Amino acid sequence: RRQHNGESGDPLSPGNIQVNSKTMRLLSFISAVCFLLGAHVAIAEPMDRFKVADTSSPRDTLRSFIDATNDIYDLAMKSRHVGRNHPDANVLRARILDTIDASELPAFARRDLSLDAAAALKEILDRVELPPWDEIPGASEIQAGRGYEEFSRWRIPNTRITIERAQEGSRKHEYQFSPGTVQRATEYYRDIRDRPYRTDGPRTSPGFYDWYVSAPGHPVLGAIVDRLPDSMRFGRTLGLANWKWPAVLVTLVIAIAAMWVLYSLQLSVSRRVSPQNRLRYGLTLFFPIAAMLVPLAFLEISDRYLAVRNMPLHVISFGSQLVAIVAAIVVTFVASRRVAESIIASPRIKTYGRNAQVIRITSTLVGILLAVVLLITGGQYLGIPIGTLLASAGIGGIALALGAQDTLKNVFATVNLMSDPPFRVGERITFGEYDGTVEDMSLRSTDLRLLDGHLVTIPNQNISGQSVENISRREYIRKSSEIHIPLDTPCEKVEKAIAIIREKLTGKEIVDPEHPPRCFLHEMGPQGFSIRFIYWYTPPATWAFHAFDEKLNLEILRAFEAEGIRLAR
């Protein structure tokens, strides 16, 4: 193994040492002896996987941390590549994390940031002068009656590293590296990394941080990385090993392509599957759910296998989980829509009836509610200051209300229309200058297909505040017409004309018994006599009514011609 000799630069870089053949043989012999001794120790004293870190005092916390980091360093140097699934490594990581107070770290990256801080803290402790163990406050001093207050916090001399006692929570009265120390550990390490390792005190682990940052997280990947040039293996750019950048970019491209393919498949399949086939229609949710899991898989690969560390992992973790939250919101809307359409597909519900519209609007409201919950919960998990945002929302509430007042009016108008519906989807209405069939109703507006084929979208607040004539709900069609006869027409001819019209209206199957037809001499004037007749056509079928009206007019015209009755010009 290459050892750091106190010079600046990468301790694992071959440029820091010169090796000849005798030295190589000597190192080989020493390595063999160390391996046998290590194997003997490992066999004689297997790791106690049930042992936890002792955090009962600053001394015990510091000793547990140094022992656990040295053990995981020995394991790494022996196995070369330690993956996340290595049982001994997981036990040691848990002991290390027990000594770290990560309460002020963002939840979405708490574990990884804690391990980053632990690697930096170990490098600092390996370089600074530590006091003797008996000079560090221990459990015996604390239990001797000197009280907790005196030992509520302890700082390593000549450093900014502090161990303090937890005041609340599940770790109350336990000693851990303070939140401030954990948050600034990497910064402290950058200030001291050029100093040589100390030669006395607890054992050091040279190159621990460089191994932590550069090593992959899987043995198979590690075998590939070992064949790369040292500049790729140990060189770093923006805190990340050079070999990891192309690996991350390739993985990112694959993840983006996978999400695009899943999105395209979802659109294609959902168009071909009918809501009547509820099982297959529900299975189409597989594609958006799979797309939602892609960024999480990308994060898992970056963390577990590529072992991305420090700020790059922070950025990847934040971005991946943010994309996953947005995708979850989209899945929520899609799922609510799928559920609504599956319910509407029931034979007992009309596709465009009132119940169907209530189900659609309810599903939309539920989807919005769940999306808001996901947004708030996810934002809080990602470390977004929800309290600050809510306070800002309170300050800007008036401006938001003014900007969204039209939308709110449309929503309340929709509620009014649904509670007392003047029309349903598929019915013909007249509203102002518009005359057409209702095609759809949403939270904001209503789509009206005019008789000339044009589609008009009308805000619901406009409909709710004005009169709407529902033509489809009329019980009959009322027709009122006038026939004008010249003023010089004899009285007998006038009476005959009235009798002809009454005769033609009598006995028709369309006549409503409650509304018998009417015909009378309406008025006399300079233009002649005016005969008005009124009838009520039922059932109210528009095109059938026009056909009947045409037939009736022709019959009256033929009868007038036969009797020699002229019409006024």
Protein backbone atom coordinates (compact mmCIF):
# COMPACT_ATOMS: atom_id res chain seq x y z
CA ARG A 1 0.00 0.00 0.00
CA ARG A 2 1.17 3.50 -0.74
CA GLN A 3 1.55 5.58 2.42
CA HIS A 4 1.51 9.33 2.75
CA ASN A 5 4.93 10.67 3.76
CA GLY A 6 3.86 14.10 4.85
CA GLU A 7 4.21 15.71 1.43
CA SER A 8 1.42 17.69 -0.14
CA GLY A 9 -0.79 16.22 -2.83
CA ASP A 10 -2.66 12.93 -3.18
CA PRO A 11 -1.31 10.32 -0.73
CA LEU A 12 -2.27 7.52 -3.11
CA SER A 13 -0.46 9.07 -6.07
CA PRO A 14 2.66 7.14 -7.18
CA GLY A 15 4.47 10.45 -7.67
CA ASN A 16 4.97 10.79 -3.92
CA ILE A 17 7.25 7.69 -3.58
CA GLN A 18 10.08 5.97 -5.46
CA VAL A 19 10.26 2.20 -5.35
CA ASN A 20 13.15 -0.08 -6.31
CA SER A 21 13.27 -3.86 -6.52
CA LYS A 22 14.62 -4.38 -2.98
CA THR A 23 11.98 -2.10 -1.58
CA MET A 24 9.32 -3.99 -3.50
CA ARG A 25 10.49 -7.31 -2.06
CA LEU A 26 10.57 -5.83 1.42
CA LEU A 27 7.10 -4.37 1.02
CA SER A 28 5.83 -7.67 -0.34
CA PHE A 29 7.22 -9.51 2.68
CA ILE A 30 5.76 -6.98 5.10
CA SER A 31 2.40 -7.10 3.31
CA ALA A 32 2.36 -10.90 3.53
CA VAL A 33 3.15 -10.81 7.24
CA CYS A 34 0.52 -8.12 7.80
CA PHE A 35 -2.00 -10.11 5.83
CA LEU A 36 -1.35 -13.25 7.90
CA LEU A 37 -1.48 -11.28 11.13
CA GLY A 38 -4.63 -9.54 9.98
CA ALA A 39 -6.19 -12.85 9.00
CA HIS A 40 -5.22 -14.31 12.37
CA VAL A 41 -6.75 -11.37 14.19
CA ALA A 42 -9.83 -11.51 12.04
CA ILE A 43 -10.24 -15.21 12.78
CA ALA A 44 -9.43 -14.86 16.44
CA GLU A 45 -11.62 -11.79 16.99
CA PRO A 46 -14.51 -11.63 14.51
CA MET A 47 -16.38 -8.35 14.34
CA ASP A 48 -19.19 -7.98 16.84
CA ARG A 49 -22.03 -6.86 14.58
CA PHE A 50 -24.29 -6.15 17.54
CA LYS A 51 -21.90 -3.66 19.08
CA VAL A 52 -22.93 -0.01 18.87
CA ALA A 53 -20.97 3.18 19.36
CA ASP A 54 -20.48 4.30 22.95
CA THR A 55 -21.64 7.92 23.15
CA SER A 56 -21.95 8.26 26.93
CA SER A 57 -19.15 10.85 27.15
CA PRO A 58 -16.90 12.98 24.89
CA ARG A 59 -14.05 10.48 25.44
CA ASP A 60 -16.17 7.45 24.49
CA THR A 61 -17.66 9.21 21.46
CA LEU A 62 -14.23 10.23 20.16
CA ARG A 63 -12.77 6.77 20.79
CA SER A 64 -15.75 5.03 19.09
CA PHE A 65 -15.47 7.31 16.08
CA ILE A 66 -11.70 6.82 15.65
CA ASP A 67 -11.93 3.04 16.13
CA ALA A 68 -14.80 2.66 13.66
CA THR A 69 -13.14 4.78 10.96
CA ASN A 70 -9.84 2.92 11.41
CA ASP A 71 -11.66 -0.41 11.15
CA ILE A 72 -13.45 0.56 7.97
CA TYR A 73 -10.16 1.87 6.58
CA ASP A 74 -8.49 -1.49 7.34
CA LEU A 75 -11.39 -3.26 5.70
CA ALA A 76 -11.09 -1.06 2.62
CA MET A 77 -7.35 -1.58 2.35
CA LYS A 78 -7.81 -5.32 2.71
CA SER A 79 -10.75 -5.72 0.31
CA ARG A 80 -9.77 -2.72 -1.81
CA HIS A 81 -13.41 -2.10 -2.76
CA VAL A 82 -16.12 -2.08 -0.12
CA GLY A 83 -19.68 -1.95 -1.44
CA ARG A 84 -22.83 -0.84 0.32
CA ASN A 85 -23.89 -4.46 0.81
CA HIS A 86 -20.76 -5.46 2.73
CA PRO A 87 -22.11 -6.48 6.18
CA ASP A 88 -19.04 -5.44 8.17
CA ALA A 89 -18.88 -2.09 6.41
CA ASN A 90 -22.55 -1.45 7.15
CA VAL A 91 -21.97 -2.15 10.85
CA LEU A 92 -19.02 0.25 10.95
CA ARG A 93 -20.93 2.94 9.05
CA ALA A 94 -23.76 2.66 11.58
CA ARG A 95 -21.29 3.14 14.45
CA ILE A 96 -19.82 6.19 12.73
CA LEU A 97 -23.26 7.69 12.14
CA ASP A 98 -24.12 7.17 15.82
CA THR A 99 -21.43 9.72 16.69
CA ILE A 100 -22.69 12.33 14.21
CA ASP A 101 -25.45 14.83 15.03
CA ALA A 102 -27.07 15.27 11.62
CA SER A 103 -30.21 17.00 12.91
CA GLU A 104 -29.53 20.20 10.95
CA LEU A 105 -28.63 18.50 7.67
CA PRO A 106 -31.31 18.29 4.93
CA ALA A 107 -33.30 15.07 5.24
CA PHE A 108 -32.91 14.06 1.58
CA ALA A 109 -29.09 13.75 1.89
CA ARG A 110 -28.62 13.37 5.64
CA ARG A 111 -26.84 10.00 5.57
CA ASP A 112 -24.46 10.84 2.72
CA LEU A 113 -23.58 14.28 4.08
CA SER A 114 -22.91 12.69 7.48
CA LEU A 115 -20.48 10.21 5.93
CA ASP A 116 -18.79 13.04 4.01
CA ALA A 117 -18.34 14.91 7.29
CA ALA A 118 -17.05 11.77 9.01
CA ALA A 119 -14.35 11.22 6.35
CA ALA A 120 -13.26 14.87 6.65
CA LEU A 121 -13.27 14.72 10.47
CA LYS A 122 -11.07 11.61 10.46
CA GLU A 123 -8.50 13.34 8.26
CA ILE A 124 -8.49 16.32 10.64
CA LEU A 125 -8.11 14.13 13.74
CA ASP A 126 -5.21 12.31 12.05
CA ARG A 127 -3.36 15.61 11.64
CA VAL A 128 -3.98 17.49 14.90
CA GLU A 129 -2.50 16.81 18.32
CA LEU A 130 -5.05 15.02 20.50
CA PRO A 131 -4.92 15.21 24.31
CA PRO A 132 -4.32 11.99 26.30
CA TRP A 133 -7.45 9.91 26.82
CA ASP A 134 -7.46 10.53 30.57
CA GLU A 135 -7.65 14.29 29.99
CA ILE A 136 -10.82 13.99 27.90
CA PRO A 137 -14.07 14.00 29.95
CA GLY A 138 -15.28 10.44 30.40
CA ALA A 139 -18.31 8.70 31.81
CA SER A 140 -16.68 8.35 35.22
CA GLU A 141 -16.22 12.11 35.61
CA ILE A 142 -19.78 12.78 34.51
CA GLN A 143 -21.21 10.16 36.86
CA ALA A 144 -19.07 11.36 39.76
CA GLY A 145 -21.58 14.06 40.51
CA ARG A 146 -19.97 16.90 38.61
CA GLY A 147 -23.18 17.13 36.58
CA TYR A 148 -24.10 17.29 32.92
CA GLU A 149 -23.91 21.07 32.65
CA GLU A 150 -20.15 21.22 33.07
CA PHE A 151 -19.68 18.69 30.29
CA SER A 152 -22.54 19.79 27.99
CA ARG A 153 -19.95 20.44 25.29
CA TRP A 154 -16.25 19.77 24.82
CA ARG A 155 -13.93 21.13 22.13
CA ILE A 156 -10.77 19.40 20.99
CA PRO A 157 -7.92 21.77 21.96
CA ASN A 158 -6.66 24.07 19.19
CA THR A 159 -9.46 23.01 16.80
CA ARG A 160 -13.02 23.99 15.98
CA ILE A 161 -14.27 20.41 16.43
CA THR A 162 -16.88 20.21 19.18
CA ILE A 163 -18.58 17.27 20.85
CA GLU A 164 -21.75 18.20 22.68
CA ARG A 165 -24.56 16.54 24.57
CA ALA A 166 -27.97 16.21 22.89
CA GLN A 167 -30.65 18.16 24.75
CA GLU A 168 -33.70 16.43 23.29
CA GLY A 169 -34.88 13.70 20.99
CA SER A 170 -34.13 9.98 20.95
CA ARG A 171 -30.41 10.63 21.56
CA LYS A 172 -30.94 12.82 24.62
CA HIS A 173 -27.93 12.94 27.00
CA GLU A 174 -25.69 11.27 24.40
CA TYR A 175 -22.56 12.99 23.11
CA GLN A 176 -22.07 13.53 19.37
CA PHE A 177 -20.09 15.78 17.06
CA SER A 178 -22.09 19.01 17.09
CA PRO A 179 -24.30 20.05 14.14
CA GLY A 180 -22.02 23.02 13.44
CA THR A 181 -18.95 20.77 13.34
CA VAL A 182 -20.71 18.33 11.01
CA GLN A 183 -21.88 21.08 8.66
CA ARG A 184 -18.41 22.65 8.33
CA ALA A 185 -16.23 19.53 8.57
CA THR A 186 -15.30 19.54 4.88
CA GLU A 187 -14.40 23.23 5.10
CA TYR A 188 -12.21 22.55 8.15
CA TYR A 189 -10.47 19.72 6.28
CA ARG A 190 -9.64 21.94 3.30
CA ASP A 191 -7.86 24.32 5.69
CA ILE A 192 -5.69 21.59 7.21
CA ARG A 193 -5.20 18.99 4.48
CA ASP A 194 -1.65 20.18 3.64
CA ARG A 195 -0.43 19.41 7.15
CA PRO A 196 1.36 16.08 7.72
CA TYR A 197 -0.16 13.20 9.64
CA ARG A 198 0.73 13.09 13.32
CA THR A 199 3.12 10.40 14.52
CA ASP A 200 1.81 9.79 18.04
CA GLY A 201 -1.52 9.22 19.74
CA PRO A 202 -4.32 7.10 18.24
CA ARG A 203 -3.60 5.26 15.00
CA THR A 204 -4.10 7.21 11.76
CA SER A 205 -5.60 6.13 8.43
CA PRO A 206 -3.52 7.83 5.68
CA GLY A 207 -5.44 8.62 2.50
CA PHE A 208 -8.81 7.79 4.04
CA TYR A 209 -10.61 10.77 2.53
CA ASP A 210 -9.03 10.23 -0.89
CA TRP A 211 -10.10 6.60 -0.88
CA TYR A 212 -13.59 7.60 0.23
CA VAL A 213 -13.93 10.10 -2.62
CA SER A 214 -12.24 8.08 -5.38
CA ALA A 215 -13.16 4.42 -4.80
CA PRO A 216 -16.19 2.91 -6.55
CA GLY A 217 -18.93 1.20 -4.61
CA HIS A 218 -18.82 -2.24 -6.21
CA PRO A 219 -15.97 -4.75 -6.63
CA VAL A 220 -16.74 -5.43 -10.30
CA LEU A 221 -16.66 -1.73 -11.08
CA GLY A 222 -13.56 -1.42 -8.93
CA ALA A 223 -11.73 -4.00 -11.06
CA ILE A 224 -12.46 -1.88 -14.12
CA VAL A 225 -11.37 1.35 -12.44
CA ASP A 226 -8.09 -0.25 -11.33
CA ARG A 227 -7.08 -0.52 -15.00
CA LEU A 228 -7.51 3.22 -15.58
CA PRO A 229 -4.61 5.70 -15.48
CA ASP A 230 -3.84 7.25 -12.12
CA SER A 231 -4.98 10.65 -13.39
CA MET A 232 -8.46 9.21 -13.93
CA ARG A 233 -8.50 7.14 -10.74
CA PHE A 234 -7.16 9.63 -8.22
CA GLY A 235 -7.46 12.99 -9.97
CA ARG A 236 -10.45 15.08 -8.91
CA THR A 237 -12.51 17.78 -10.57
CA LEU A 238 -14.98 19.78 -8.48
CA GLY A 239 -14.47 17.34 -5.62
CA LEU A 240 -15.28 14.23 -7.69
CA ALA A 241 -12.89 11.62 -9.08
CA ASN A 242 -12.26 12.13 -12.80
CA TRP A 243 -13.44 8.63 -13.75
CA LYS A 244 -16.82 9.26 -12.13
CA TRP A 245 -17.78 12.20 -14.34
CA PRO A 246 -18.19 10.20 -17.61
CA ALA A 247 -19.89 7.41 -15.65
CA VAL A 248 -22.40 9.87 -14.18
CA LEU A 249 -23.04 11.50 -17.56
CA VAL A 250 -23.64 8.15 -19.28
CA THR A 251 -26.01 7.09 -16.51
CA LEU A 252 -27.83 10.42 -16.74
CA VAL A 253 -28.32 10.08 -20.51
CA ILE A 254 -29.69 6.56 -20.04
CA ALA A 255 -32.08 7.80 -17.33
CA ILE A 256 -33.38 10.65 -19.51
CA ALA A 257 -33.85 8.27 -22.46
CA ALA A 258 -35.70 5.79 -20.23
CA MET A 259 -38.09 8.48 -18.98
CA TRP A 260 -38.76 9.66 -22.54
CA VAL A 261 -39.48 6.09 -23.72
CA LEU A 262 -41.81 5.40 -20.79
CA TYR A 263 -43.65 8.68 -21.37
CA SER A 264 -44.09 7.89 -25.08
CA LEU A 265 -45.34 4.38 -24.29
CA GLN A 266 -47.81 5.77 -21.79
CA LEU A 267 -49.31 8.12 -24.39
CA SER A 268 -49.43 5.41 -27.03
CA VAL A 269 -50.95 2.68 -24.87
CA SER A 270 -53.47 4.91 -23.07
CA ARG A 271 -54.97 5.98 -26.43
CA ARG A 272 -55.59 2.36 -27.46
CA VAL A 273 -57.02 1.04 -24.19
CA SER A 274 -60.68 1.70 -23.43
CA PRO A 275 -61.83 2.61 -19.88
CA GLN A 276 -64.36 -0.24 -20.15
CA ASN A 277 -61.45 -2.66 -19.81
CA ARG A 278 -60.67 -1.54 -16.28
CA LEU A 279 -57.81 -3.95 -15.61
CA ARG A 280 -55.82 -3.01 -18.71
CA TYR A 281 -56.78 0.64 -18.31
CA GLY A 282 -55.41 0.61 -14.76
CA LEU A 283 -52.24 -1.20 -15.84
CA THR A 284 -51.37 1.74 -18.09
CA LEU A 285 -50.32 3.48 -14.86
CA PHE A 286 -47.26 1.23 -14.91
CA PHE A 287 -45.53 3.54 -17.37
CA PRO A 288 -45.83 6.84 -15.43
CA ILE A 289 -44.99 5.05 -12.17
CA ALA A 290 -41.92 3.49 -13.78
CA ALA A 291 -40.93 6.92 -15.11
CA MET A 292 -41.26 8.30 -11.59
CA LEU A 293 -38.84 5.64 -10.30
CA VAL A 294 -36.19 6.33 -12.96
CA PRO A 295 -34.64 9.39 -11.20
CA LEU A 296 -34.57 7.43 -7.94
CA ALA A 297 -32.78 4.59 -9.73
CA PHE A 298 -30.31 7.11 -11.15
CA LEU A 299 -29.66 8.40 -7.63
CA GLU A 300 -29.22 4.85 -6.31
CA ILE A 301 -26.68 3.99 -9.02
CA SER A 302 -24.79 7.24 -8.46
CA ASP A 303 -24.63 6.70 -4.72
CA ARG A 304 -24.33 2.93 -4.30
CA TYR A 305 -22.26 1.88 -7.31
CA LEU A 306 -20.51 5.01 -8.64
CA ALA A 307 -20.00 6.25 -5.07
CA VAL A 308 -20.43 9.92 -5.98
CA ARG A 309 -19.52 12.08 -3.01
CA ASN A 310 -19.60 15.62 -1.65
CA MET A 311 -21.35 18.41 -3.54
CA PRO A 312 -21.94 16.45 -6.80
CA LEU A 313 -23.90 13.84 -4.83
CA HIS A 314 -25.75 16.64 -3.04
CA VAL A 315 -26.79 18.13 -6.39
CA ILE A 316 -27.70 14.73 -7.88
CA SER A 317 -29.70 13.78 -4.79
CA PHE A 318 -31.61 17.06 -4.73
CA GLY A 319 -32.29 17.09 -8.48
CA SER A 320 -33.27 13.42 -8.70
CA GLN A 321 -35.69 13.58 -5.80
CA LEU A 322 -37.14 16.85 -7.05
CA VAL A 323 -37.82 15.25 -10.45
CA ALA A 324 -39.32 12.23 -8.67
CA ILE A 325 -41.66 14.49 -6.67
CA VAL A 326 -42.79 16.31 -9.82
CA ALA A 327 -43.31 12.94 -11.53
CA ALA A 328 -45.31 11.75 -8.50
CA ILE A 329 -47.56 14.81 -8.84
CA VAL A 330 -48.11 13.96 -12.53
CA VAL A 331 -48.87 10.33 -11.58
CA THR A 332 -51.39 11.60 -9.04
CA PHE A 333 -53.27 13.55 -11.69
CA VAL A 334 -53.12 10.67 -14.18
CA ALA A 335 -54.28 8.14 -11.56
CA SER A 336 -57.20 10.33 -10.44
CA ARG A 337 -58.26 10.69 -14.08
CA ARG A 338 -57.96 6.94 -14.66
CA VAL A 339 -60.10 6.18 -11.60
CA ALA A 340 -62.75 8.68 -12.69
CA GLU A 341 -62.97 7.31 -16.23
CA SER A 342 -63.10 3.73 -14.93
CA ILE A 343 -66.07 4.62 -12.71
CA ILE A 344 -67.81 6.50 -15.52
CA ALA A 345 -67.35 3.46 -17.79
CA SER A 346 -69.97 1.66 -15.67
CA PRO A 347 -73.21 0.95 -17.63
CA ARG A 348 -75.20 2.70 -14.90
CA ILE A 349 -73.53 6.05 -15.55
CA LYS A 350 -74.06 8.09 -18.70
CA THR A 351 -70.75 9.11 -20.24
CA TYR A 352 -71.74 12.79 -20.49
CA GLY A 353 -74.39 12.90 -17.81
CA ARG A 354 -74.45 14.96 -14.65
CA ASN A 355 -73.01 12.17 -12.49
CA ALA A 356 -70.13 11.72 -14.93
CA GLN A 357 -69.28 15.41 -14.74
CA VAL A 358 -69.46 15.38 -10.94
CA ILE A 359 -67.07 12.40 -10.87
CA ARG A 360 -64.63 14.10 -13.25
CA ILE A 361 -64.60 17.38 -11.34
CA THR A 362 -64.31 15.58 -7.98
CA SER A 363 -61.37 13.53 -9.24
CA THR A 364 -59.70 16.72 -10.44
CA LEU A 365 -60.14 18.38 -7.04
CA VAL A 366 -58.80 15.28 -5.27
CA GLY A 367 -55.82 15.23 -7.62
CA ILE A 368 -55.09 18.90 -6.88
CA LEU A 369 -55.35 18.30 -3.13
CA LEU A 370 -52.97 15.32 -3.25
CA ALA A 371 -50.58 17.28 -5.48
CA VAL A 372 -50.46 20.12 -2.93
CA VAL A 373 -49.77 17.62 -0.13
CA LEU A 374 -46.97 16.02 -2.17
CA LEU A 375 -45.52 19.42 -3.00
CA ILE A 376 -45.47 20.59 0.62
CA THR A 377 -44.21 17.27 2.01
CA GLY A 378 -41.59 16.87 -0.71
CA GLY A 379 -40.44 20.46 -0.35
CA GLN A 380 -40.01 20.03 3.38
CA TYR A 381 -38.05 16.80 2.81
CA LEU A 382 -35.76 18.54 0.33
CA GLY A 383 -35.00 21.24 2.85
CA ILE A 384 -37.08 23.98 1.26
CA PRO A 385 -38.12 26.36 4.06
CA ILE A 386 -41.87 25.73 4.08
CA GLY A 387 -42.41 28.14 7.00
CA THR A 388 -40.74 30.95 5.09
CA LEU A 389 -42.77 30.17 1.99
CA LEU A 390 -46.00 30.13 3.98
CA ALA A 391 -45.09 33.45 5.57
CA SER A 392 -44.33 34.88 2.14
CA ALA A 393 -47.62 33.50 0.92
CA GLY A 394 -49.36 35.30 3.79
CA ILE A 395 -47.67 38.59 2.92
CA GLY A 396 -48.40 38.17 -0.78
CA GLY A 397 -51.82 36.64 -0.20
CA ILE A 398 -53.65 39.79 -1.26
CA ALA A 399 -51.69 40.09 -4.49
CA LEU A 400 -52.20 36.37 -5.16
CA ALA A 401 -55.93 36.67 -4.51
CA LEU A 402 -56.19 39.64 -6.85
CA GLY A 403 -54.25 37.82 -9.55
CA ALA A 404 -56.27 34.64 -9.19
CA GLN A 405 -59.70 36.16 -8.60
CA ASP A 406 -60.97 35.21 -12.05
CA THR A 407 -59.88 31.62 -11.53
CA LEU A 408 -61.52 31.51 -8.10
CA LYS A 409 -64.71 33.01 -9.51
CA ASN A 410 -64.78 30.32 -12.19
CA VAL A 411 -64.26 27.58 -9.59
CA PHE A 412 -67.11 28.87 -7.39
CA ALA A 413 -69.27 29.32 -10.47
CA THR A 414 -68.61 25.69 -11.39
CA VAL A 415 -69.72 24.63 -7.92
CA ASN A 416 -72.94 26.60 -8.38
CA LEU A 417 -73.57 25.11 -11.79
CA MET A 418 -73.01 21.59 -10.47
CA SER A 419 -75.24 22.09 -7.43
CA ASP A 420 -78.11 23.47 -9.55
CA PRO A 421 -77.23 22.48 -13.13
CA PRO A 422 -79.09 24.45 -15.85
CA PHE A 423 -77.70 22.06 -18.49
CA ARG A 424 -75.70 18.88 -18.96
CA VAL A 425 -73.10 17.73 -21.43
CA GLY A 426 -74.81 16.86 -24.73
CA GLU A 427 -77.69 19.32 -24.32
CA ARG A 428 -78.39 22.23 -26.63
CA ILE A 429 -78.54 25.66 -25.03
CA THR A 430 -78.70 29.30 -26.07
CA PHE A 431 -76.59 31.74 -24.09
CA GLY A 432 -76.45 35.34 -25.18
CA GLU A 433 -75.52 35.26 -28.85
CA TYR A 434 -74.46 31.61 -28.74
CA ASP A 435 -76.58 28.62 -29.74
CA GLY A 436 -75.03 25.15 -29.61
CA THR A 437 -74.45 21.84 -27.83
CA VAL A 438 -72.51 21.52 -24.58
CA GLU A 439 -69.45 19.34 -25.19
CA ASP A 440 -67.54 19.58 -21.91
CA MET A 441 -67.49 21.34 -18.54
CA SER A 442 -64.30 21.83 -16.51
CA LEU A 443 -63.42 23.71 -13.34
CA ARG A 444 -62.84 26.89 -15.30
CA SER A 445 -65.04 26.90 -18.40
CA THR A 446 -67.66 25.21 -20.56
CA ASP A 447 -67.12 24.17 -24.18
CA LEU A 448 -70.05 24.91 -26.51
CA ARG A 449 -70.23 23.52 -30.06
CA LEU A 450 -72.17 26.07 -32.13
CA LEU A 451 -74.58 25.10 -34.89
CA ASP A 452 -72.07 26.29 -37.50
CA GLY A 453 -69.48 23.85 -36.10
CA HIS A 454 -67.33 26.35 -34.23
CA LEU A 455 -66.23 25.54 -30.65
CA VAL A 456 -66.62 28.33 -28.09
CA THR A 457 -65.11 28.21 -24.60
CA ILE A 458 -67.15 30.26 -22.14
CA PRO A 459 -65.89 31.04 -18.57
CA ASN A 460 -68.23 29.51 -16.02
CA GLN A 461 -68.57 32.81 -14.15
CA ASN A 462 -70.21 34.31 -17.26
CA ILE A 463 -72.71 31.46 -17.50
CA SER A 464 -73.47 31.42 -13.78
CA GLY A 465 -74.39 35.12 -13.76
CA GLN A 466 -76.72 35.16 -16.79
CA SER A 467 -79.84 33.45 -18.10
CA VAL A 468 -79.39 30.22 -20.04
CA GLU A 469 -82.06 28.77 -22.31
CA ASN A 470 -81.93 24.98 -22.37
CA ILE A 471 -83.45 23.99 -25.69
CA SER A 472 -82.95 20.27 -25.11
CA ARG A 473 -85.25 20.33 -22.06
CA ARG A 474 -88.25 21.94 -23.76
CA GLU A 475 -91.41 19.81 -23.81
CA TYR A 476 -92.60 21.08 -27.19
CA ILE A 477 -91.87 23.57 -29.95
CA ARG A 478 -94.29 26.47 -30.18
CA LYS A 479 -94.96 27.89 -33.66
CA SER A 480 -96.79 31.18 -34.26
CA SER A 481 -97.46 32.31 -37.88
CA GLU A 482 -99.54 34.94 -39.66
CA ILE A 483 -101.19 34.84 -43.11
CA HIS A 484 -102.19 38.11 -44.75
CA ILE A 485 -105.21 38.32 -47.12
CA PRO A 486 -106.01 41.37 -49.30
CA LEU A 487 -108.49 43.88 -47.84
CA ASP A 488 -110.95 43.42 -50.75
CA THR A 489 -111.38 39.71 -49.97
CA PRO A 490 -115.06 38.88 -49.27
CA CYS A 491 -115.98 38.00 -45.71
CA GLU A 492 -116.97 34.48 -46.80
CA LYS A 493 -113.47 33.93 -48.21
CA VAL A 494 -111.92 35.15 -44.99
CA GLU A 495 -114.06 32.79 -42.93
CA LYS A 496 -113.20 29.98 -45.36
CA ALA A 497 -109.46 30.69 -44.94
CA ILE A 498 -109.77 30.46 -41.15
CA ALA A 499 -111.72 27.22 -41.43
CA ILE A 500 -109.09 25.69 -43.77
CA ILE A 501 -106.26 26.46 -41.37
CA ARG A 502 -108.21 25.03 -38.41
CA GLU A 503 -108.97 21.91 -40.40
CA LYS A 504 -105.35 21.35 -41.33
CA LEU A 505 -104.31 21.69 -37.67
CA THR A 506 -107.00 19.31 -36.37
CA GLY A 507 -106.25 15.62 -35.85
CA LYS A 508 -102.51 15.86 -36.24
CA GLU A 509 -100.53 13.34 -34.18
CA ILE A 510 -98.13 16.01 -33.04
CA VAL A 511 -100.80 18.06 -31.31
CA ASP A 512 -100.42 18.16 -27.52
CA PRO A 513 -103.87 17.67 -25.87
CA GLU A 514 -102.93 20.17 -23.18
CA HIS A 515 -102.09 22.75 -25.84
CA PRO A 516 -104.66 22.58 -28.70
CA PRO A 517 -103.90 24.69 -31.81
CA ARG A 518 -105.34 28.19 -32.12
CA CYS A 519 -106.45 30.12 -35.26
CA PHE A 520 -108.22 33.49 -35.37
CA LEU A 521 -108.58 36.72 -37.30
CA HIS A 522 -105.87 38.78 -35.71
CA GLU A 523 -106.37 42.27 -37.14
CA MET A 524 -107.52 44.34 -40.08
CA GLY A 525 -105.48 47.13 -41.55
CA PRO A 526 -104.53 48.97 -44.75
CA GLN A 527 -102.51 45.96 -45.84
CA GLY A 528 -105.48 43.59 -45.44
CA PHE A 529 -106.64 40.90 -43.08
CA SER A 530 -104.15 39.13 -40.76
CA ILE A 531 -104.93 35.56 -39.70
CA ARG A 532 -102.74 34.20 -36.88
CA PHE A 533 -102.44 30.51 -36.03
CA ILE A 534 -100.43 28.90 -33.22
CA TYR A 535 -99.63 25.26 -32.53
CA TRP A 536 -97.37 23.28 -30.20
CA TYR A 537 -95.29 20.57 -31.80
CA THR A 538 -94.33 17.48 -29.75
CA PRO A 539 -92.00 15.71 -29.25
CA PRO A 540 -89.59 18.66 -29.60
CA ALA A 541 -87.39 17.21 -32.37
CA THR A 542 -86.05 20.15 -34.37
CA TRP A 543 -85.71 18.59 -37.81
CA ALA A 544 -89.00 16.69 -37.54
CA PHE A 545 -90.69 19.96 -36.61
CA HIS A 546 -89.30 21.72 -39.70
CA ALA A 547 -90.54 18.89 -41.93
CA PHE A 548 -94.02 19.07 -40.39
CA ASP A 549 -94.13 22.85 -40.70
CA GLU A 550 -93.21 22.64 -44.37
CA LYS A 551 -95.91 20.03 -45.04
CA LEU A 552 -98.55 22.09 -43.18
CA ASN A 553 -97.74 25.28 -45.11
CA LEU A 554 -97.98 23.50 -48.47
CA GLU A 555 -101.35 21.97 -47.54
CA ILE A 556 -102.73 25.39 -46.56
CA LEU A 557 -101.38 26.95 -49.77
CA ARG A 558 -102.99 24.26 -51.98
CA ALA A 559 -106.31 24.60 -50.19
CA PHE A 560 -106.26 28.39 -50.63
CA GLU A 561 -105.57 27.99 -54.36
CA ALA A 562 -108.44 25.56 -54.70
CA GLU A 563 -110.85 28.02 -53.03
CA GLY A 564 -109.51 31.02 -54.95
CA ILE A 565 -108.20 32.74 -51.85
CA ARG A 566 -105.37 35.12 -52.63
CA LEU A 567 -102.56 36.09 -50.30
CA ALA A 568 -101.58 39.68 -49.81
CA ARG A 569 -98.31 40.84 -51.32
